[in-house]
Amino acid sequence: MLRFGDADQLVGILSQPESPRASAPVVVILNAGVLHRVGPHRLHVVLARRLAAAGVTCLRLDLGGIGDSVNSSDATTFRDSAVNDTRLVLGGLAARLGATRFVIFGVCAGADNAIATALVDDRVAGIAVVDPHTYASRRGRLRALYTKLSARSPKQSVQWIAKVAERRARATLDRLRALRDRAEAPEQEEGRSPPPLAQFRADLDTLVARGAKILAIYSGIHGAKYNHPNQLFELFPELRGKVESAYFSNANHTFTELDEQAELIALVSDWMARFR
């Protein structure tokens, strides 16, 4: 166990290889949301041990206020606090291990924190992110529609389309009411929500231009927002050949099934083995 910060407020578990691979970056595994550093269904433990066996040093980190770490940041948002904590730990690992390059792994909110940290810290040479933000493409919507219609009879399809049209009309009215009421209500910080598509594109383009490596992994829970191995490049064709992606159509968000988890760990391990 390692502690970081002036008051030893941040806690992480270090997995060190017996035979470190020369020039391999240190991997920092961030919390998936507010889950303890063990990760969903012990994913982080298994991944760290697998990478250590392959010669890669890993740290499973608890961000401030999660697990055994104490929240000492004066940041106004969870994202800023997470970035500050992660950068503090990178500095601590650099001092203790002499590390100069890092890869950050994160699931869900951990993916968002990995991207946010990489954008402001050049020591982050790569990110492996599971279920980063998703956005529906035109083809994604058509695939989702086809899947729903193919499971229904013609009569059921007509009835379903009518219900969808009704729901969309109601949703439009609800949005108009919300816009009318928004000015009267104070803004409140909500849970995880995607940035505008243009902003997410700019963030990824910035990382690629800087030379950071990206492995983007998607589970099968997203419907029209992600339902095909190439959907990332349908939205961002300029990233084809510059970013690696993978799609686990049968996996849920936290990779509950052990077979799917094993494939995920093998994928990340192979990506790290090729990391230069």
Protein backbone atom coordinates (compact mmCIF):
# COMPACT_ATOMS: atom_id res chain seq x y z
CA MET A 1 0.00 0.00 0.00
CA LEU A 2 1.27 3.48 -0.91
CA ARG A 3 0.08 6.82 0.40
CA PHE A 4 0.29 10.14 -1.39
CA GLY A 5 -0.17 13.79 -0.49
CA ASP A 6 1.06 16.03 2.30
CA ALA A 7 -1.26 14.30 4.77
CA ASP A 8 -0.99 10.83 3.18
CA GLN A 9 -4.64 11.29 2.24
CA LEU A 10 -4.62 9.24 -0.98
CA VAL A 11 -4.21 5.47 -0.95
CA GLY A 12 -3.19 3.10 -3.72
CA ILE A 13 -2.15 -0.53 -4.07
CA LEU A 14 1.01 -1.06 -6.11
CA SER A 15 1.53 -4.21 -8.17
CA GLN A 16 5.18 -4.50 -9.19
CA PRO A 17 6.57 -7.07 -11.63
CA GLU A 18 9.44 -9.37 -10.78
CA SER A 19 11.03 -8.54 -14.14
CA PRO A 20 9.97 -5.04 -15.20
CA ARG A 21 9.70 -4.45 -18.90
CA ALA A 22 12.16 -1.80 -19.99
CA SER A 23 10.57 1.57 -20.79
CA ALA A 24 7.05 0.33 -20.02
CA PRO A 25 4.86 3.14 -18.66
CA VAL A 26 3.31 2.80 -15.22
CA VAL A 27 -0.41 2.08 -15.34
CA VAL A 28 -2.70 3.95 -12.95
CA ILE A 29 -6.16 2.43 -12.54
CA LEU A 30 -8.82 4.91 -11.45
CA ASN A 31 -12.05 4.23 -9.57
CA ALA A 32 -15.09 3.28 -11.61
CA GLY A 33 -17.42 5.94 -10.27
CA VAL A 34 -17.45 5.66 -6.49
CA LEU A 35 -16.49 1.99 -6.37
CA HIS A 36 -13.54 0.94 -4.21
CA ARG A 37 -10.15 0.41 -5.93
CA VAL A 38 -10.92 -3.33 -6.29
CA GLY A 39 -13.10 -2.31 -9.23
CA PRO A 40 -16.37 -3.80 -10.49
CA HIS A 41 -16.32 -7.55 -9.87
CA ARG A 42 -12.60 -7.32 -8.96
CA LEU A 43 -11.76 -6.19 -12.49
CA HIS A 44 -9.01 -3.83 -11.32
CA VAL A 45 -7.34 -6.48 -9.18
CA VAL A 46 -7.24 -9.05 -11.97
CA LEU A 47 -6.04 -6.48 -14.52
CA ALA A 48 -3.26 -5.15 -12.28
CA ARG A 49 -1.97 -8.65 -11.55
CA ARG A 50 -2.11 -9.64 -15.20
CA LEU A 51 -0.15 -6.56 -16.25
CA ALA A 52 2.40 -7.00 -13.45
CA ALA A 53 2.97 -10.59 -14.60
CA ALA A 54 3.76 -9.13 -18.03
CA GLY A 55 6.31 -6.69 -16.62
CA VAL A 56 4.15 -3.59 -16.16
CA THR A 57 3.92 -1.73 -12.84
CA CYS A 58 0.33 -0.86 -11.86
CA LEU A 59 -1.28 1.26 -9.17
CA ARG A 60 -4.92 0.81 -8.18
CA LEU A 61 -5.85 4.23 -6.83
CA ASP A 62 -8.62 5.41 -4.57
CA LEU A 63 -9.41 9.03 -5.38
CA GLY A 64 -10.20 11.41 -2.54
CA GLY A 65 -13.39 10.46 -0.71
CA ILE A 66 -13.51 6.94 -2.16
CA GLY A 67 -12.40 3.75 -0.45
CA ASP A 68 -9.55 4.45 1.95
CA SER A 69 -8.66 7.88 0.58
CA VAL A 70 -9.65 11.09 2.32
CA ASN A 71 -11.11 13.98 0.37
CA SER A 72 -8.81 16.95 0.94
CA SER A 73 -9.23 18.82 -2.32
CA ASP A 74 -10.74 22.29 -2.41
CA ALA A 75 -11.85 21.77 -6.03
CA THR A 76 -15.42 22.78 -6.73
CA THR A 77 -16.31 19.73 -8.87
CA PHE A 78 -15.70 16.00 -8.65
CA ARG A 79 -13.94 16.11 -12.02
CA ASP A 80 -11.46 18.79 -10.94
CA SER A 81 -10.84 16.97 -7.67
CA ALA A 82 -10.22 13.68 -9.51
CA VAL A 83 -7.78 15.34 -11.92
CA ASN A 84 -5.92 17.05 -9.09
CA ASP A 85 -5.66 13.80 -7.12
CA THR A 86 -4.50 11.82 -10.14
CA ARG A 87 -1.81 14.35 -11.03
CA LEU A 88 -0.61 14.40 -7.42
CA VAL A 89 -0.24 10.61 -7.56
CA LEU A 90 1.62 10.75 -10.89
CA GLY A 91 4.10 13.09 -9.25
CA GLY A 92 4.44 10.76 -6.28
CA LEU A 93 5.07 7.76 -8.52
CA ALA A 94 7.62 9.74 -10.52
CA ALA A 95 9.51 10.56 -7.31
CA ARG A 96 9.36 7.02 -5.89
CA LEU A 97 9.81 4.94 -9.02
CA GLY A 98 11.50 7.32 -11.42
CA ALA A 99 8.59 6.91 -13.82
CA THR A 100 8.25 9.47 -16.58
CA ARG A 101 5.34 8.05 -18.59
CA PHE A 102 1.95 6.82 -17.48
CA VAL A 103 -1.11 5.08 -18.88
CA ILE A 104 -4.44 5.66 -17.17
CA PHE A 105 -7.17 3.01 -17.19
CA GLY A 106 -10.74 3.89 -16.26
CA VAL A 107 -14.30 2.58 -16.51
CA CYS A 108 -17.29 4.94 -16.86
CA ALA A 109 -16.52 8.01 -14.73
CA GLY A 110 -12.98 6.64 -14.50
CA ALA A 111 -12.80 6.96 -18.28
CA ASP A 112 -13.93 10.59 -18.07
CA ASN A 113 -11.31 11.30 -15.40
CA ALA A 114 -8.62 9.59 -17.47
CA ILE A 115 -9.38 11.78 -20.48
CA ALA A 116 -9.57 14.94 -18.38
CA THR A 117 -6.21 14.21 -16.75
CA ALA A 118 -4.53 13.35 -20.06
CA LEU A 119 -5.68 16.67 -21.52
CA VAL A 120 -3.77 18.67 -18.90
CA ASP A 121 -0.78 16.41 -18.14
CA ASP A 122 1.77 15.49 -20.81
CA ARG A 123 3.13 12.67 -18.63
CA VAL A 124 0.07 10.65 -19.63
CA ALA A 125 1.27 8.76 -22.68
CA GLY A 126 -1.91 6.78 -23.15
CA ILE A 127 -5.39 6.01 -21.88
CA ALA A 128 -7.43 2.81 -21.94
CA VAL A 129 -11.05 3.78 -21.34
CA VAL A 130 -14.12 1.57 -20.96
CA ASP A 131 -17.45 3.14 -21.94
CA PRO A 132 -16.34 6.71 -22.46
CA HIS A 133 -19.05 9.07 -23.68
CA THR A 134 -21.19 7.75 -26.55
CA TYR A 135 -23.24 9.55 -29.19
CA ALA A 136 -25.80 8.18 -31.62
CA SER A 137 -24.77 8.19 -35.27
CA ARG A 138 -27.23 8.03 -38.16
CA ARG A 139 -26.18 4.45 -38.88
CA GLY A 140 -26.41 3.62 -35.19
CA ARG A 141 -30.02 4.81 -35.08
CA LEU A 142 -30.88 2.79 -38.17
CA ARG A 143 -29.26 -0.35 -36.73
CA ALA A 144 -31.16 0.08 -33.47
CA LEU A 145 -34.43 0.61 -35.34
CA TYR A 146 -33.85 -2.45 -37.52
CA THR A 147 -33.12 -4.59 -34.45
CA LYS A 148 -36.37 -3.53 -32.80
CA LEU A 149 -38.51 -3.94 -35.90
CA SER A 150 -37.05 -7.31 -36.86
CA ALA A 151 -38.26 -8.75 -33.56
CA ARG A 152 -41.89 -7.73 -34.26
CA SER A 153 -44.65 -8.72 -36.65
CA PRO A 154 -45.79 -6.13 -39.24
CA LYS A 155 -48.82 -5.22 -37.10
CA GLN A 156 -46.68 -4.89 -33.99
CA SER A 157 -44.20 -2.76 -35.92
CA VAL A 158 -46.91 -0.29 -36.96
CA GLN A 159 -48.21 -0.08 -33.41
CA TRP A 160 -44.69 0.41 -32.07
CA ILE A 161 -43.91 3.19 -34.57
CA ALA A 162 -47.11 4.99 -33.58
CA LYS A 163 -46.17 4.78 -29.92
CA VAL A 164 -42.67 6.06 -30.65
CA ALA A 165 -44.10 9.03 -32.54
CA GLU A 166 -46.39 9.81 -29.62
CA ARG A 167 -43.54 9.57 -27.11
CA ARG A 168 -41.35 11.86 -29.21
CA ALA A 169 -44.10 14.44 -29.45
CA ARG A 170 -44.53 14.36 -25.68
CA ALA A 171 -40.75 14.56 -25.22
CA THR A 172 -40.61 17.65 -27.43
CA LEU A 173 -43.29 19.33 -25.32
CA ASP A 174 -41.42 18.36 -22.15
CA ARG A 175 -38.21 19.88 -23.50
CA LEU A 176 -40.00 23.10 -24.35
CA ARG A 177 -41.45 23.25 -20.84
CA ALA A 178 -38.01 22.56 -19.37
CA LEU A 179 -36.47 25.39 -21.39
CA ARG A 180 -39.21 27.70 -20.17
CA ASP A 181 -38.68 26.69 -16.55
CA ARG A 182 -34.89 26.58 -16.58
CA ALA A 183 -34.47 30.31 -16.17
CA GLU A 184 -36.59 30.18 -13.02
CA ALA A 185 -34.66 27.36 -11.33
CA PRO A 186 -31.05 27.49 -10.08
CA GLU A 187 -28.58 25.30 -11.92
CA GLN A 188 -27.67 22.06 -10.18
CA GLU A 189 -24.80 19.76 -10.94
CA GLU A 190 -26.13 16.48 -12.30
CA GLY A 191 -24.58 13.04 -12.65
CA ARG A 192 -22.46 11.89 -15.55
CA SER A 193 -23.50 13.62 -18.76
CA PRO A 194 -21.68 13.81 -22.08
CA PRO A 195 -20.13 17.03 -23.30
CA PRO A 196 -21.27 18.37 -26.67
CA LEU A 197 -20.13 16.18 -29.54
CA ALA A 198 -17.87 18.92 -30.90
CA GLN A 199 -16.11 19.23 -27.53
CA PHE A 200 -15.52 15.48 -27.26
CA ARG A 201 -14.13 15.46 -30.80
CA ALA A 202 -11.79 18.33 -29.93
CA ASP A 203 -10.60 16.51 -26.79
CA LEU A 204 -9.78 13.32 -28.68
CA ASP A 205 -8.13 15.26 -31.51
CA THR A 206 -5.98 17.10 -28.96
CA LEU A 207 -4.75 13.88 -27.40
CA VAL A 208 -4.03 12.25 -30.76
CA ALA A 209 -2.16 15.34 -31.98
CA ARG A 210 -0.02 15.23 -28.84
CA GLY A 211 0.88 11.61 -29.54
CA ALA A 212 -1.11 10.03 -26.69
CA LYS A 213 -2.30 6.51 -27.45
CA ILE A 214 -5.99 5.74 -26.96
CA LEU A 215 -7.78 2.43 -26.52
CA ALA A 216 -11.55 3.03 -26.44
CA ILE A 217 -13.64 0.05 -25.33
CA TYR A 218 -17.44 -0.12 -25.45
CA SER A 219 -19.93 -2.53 -23.89
CA GLY A 220 -23.22 -3.55 -25.46
CA ILE A 221 -25.55 -1.42 -23.34
CA HIS A 222 -25.75 1.78 -25.38
CA GLY A 223 -28.43 1.13 -28.00
CA ALA A 224 -28.24 3.64 -30.83
CA LYS A 225 -25.35 5.43 -29.08
CA TYR A 226 -23.01 2.51 -29.72
CA ASN A 227 -24.00 -0.72 -31.42
CA HIS A 228 -21.26 -1.49 -33.95
CA PRO A 229 -17.47 -2.03 -33.76
CA ASN A 230 -16.84 0.95 -36.04
CA GLN A 231 -19.33 3.44 -34.59
CA LEU A 232 -16.53 5.57 -33.11
CA PHE A 233 -15.21 6.15 -36.62
CA GLU A 234 -18.67 6.79 -38.06
CA LEU A 235 -18.71 9.85 -35.81
CA PHE A 236 -15.01 10.68 -35.95
CA PRO A 237 -13.63 9.41 -39.28
CA GLU A 238 -10.45 11.42 -38.77
CA LEU A 239 -9.51 9.11 -35.89
CA ARG A 240 -9.48 5.94 -37.97
CA GLY A 241 -6.02 4.42 -37.80
CA LYS A 242 -5.05 6.77 -34.94
CA VAL A 243 -7.21 5.36 -32.15
CA GLU A 244 -7.83 1.71 -31.30
CA SER A 245 -11.34 0.65 -30.36
CA ALA A 246 -13.16 -2.50 -29.35
CA TYR A 247 -16.83 -3.40 -28.97
CA PHE A 248 -18.13 -6.11 -26.62
CA SER A 249 -21.71 -6.54 -27.80
CA ASN A 250 -22.58 -9.10 -25.11
CA ALA A 251 -20.98 -7.29 -22.19
CA ASN A 252 -22.79 -5.15 -19.65
CA HIS A 253 -21.37 -1.88 -18.36
CA THR A 254 -19.32 -3.47 -15.57
CA PHE A 255 -18.36 -6.68 -17.41
CA THR A 256 -20.13 -8.92 -14.92
CA GLU A 257 -19.71 -12.09 -16.97
CA LEU A 258 -16.28 -13.59 -16.31
CA ASP A 259 -15.78 -14.60 -19.95
CA GLU A 260 -16.33 -11.03 -21.09
CA GLN A 261 -14.10 -9.72 -18.31
CA ALA A 262 -11.34 -12.13 -19.33
CA GLU A 263 -11.55 -10.91 -22.94
CA LEU A 264 -11.38 -7.31 -21.77
CA ILE A 265 -8.29 -7.97 -19.66
CA ALA A 266 -6.63 -9.85 -22.52
CA LEU A 267 -7.35 -6.93 -24.85
CA VAL A 268 -5.85 -4.33 -22.50
CA SER A 269 -2.85 -6.59 -21.78
CA ASP A 270 -2.16 -7.05 -25.48
CA TRP A 271 -2.44 -3.30 -26.06
CA MET A 272 0.03 -2.65 -23.25
CA ALA A 273 2.40 -5.30 -24.63
CA ARG A 274 2.53 -3.29 -27.87
CA PHE A 275 2.85 0.05 -26.09
CA ARG A 276 6.04 1.89 -27.02
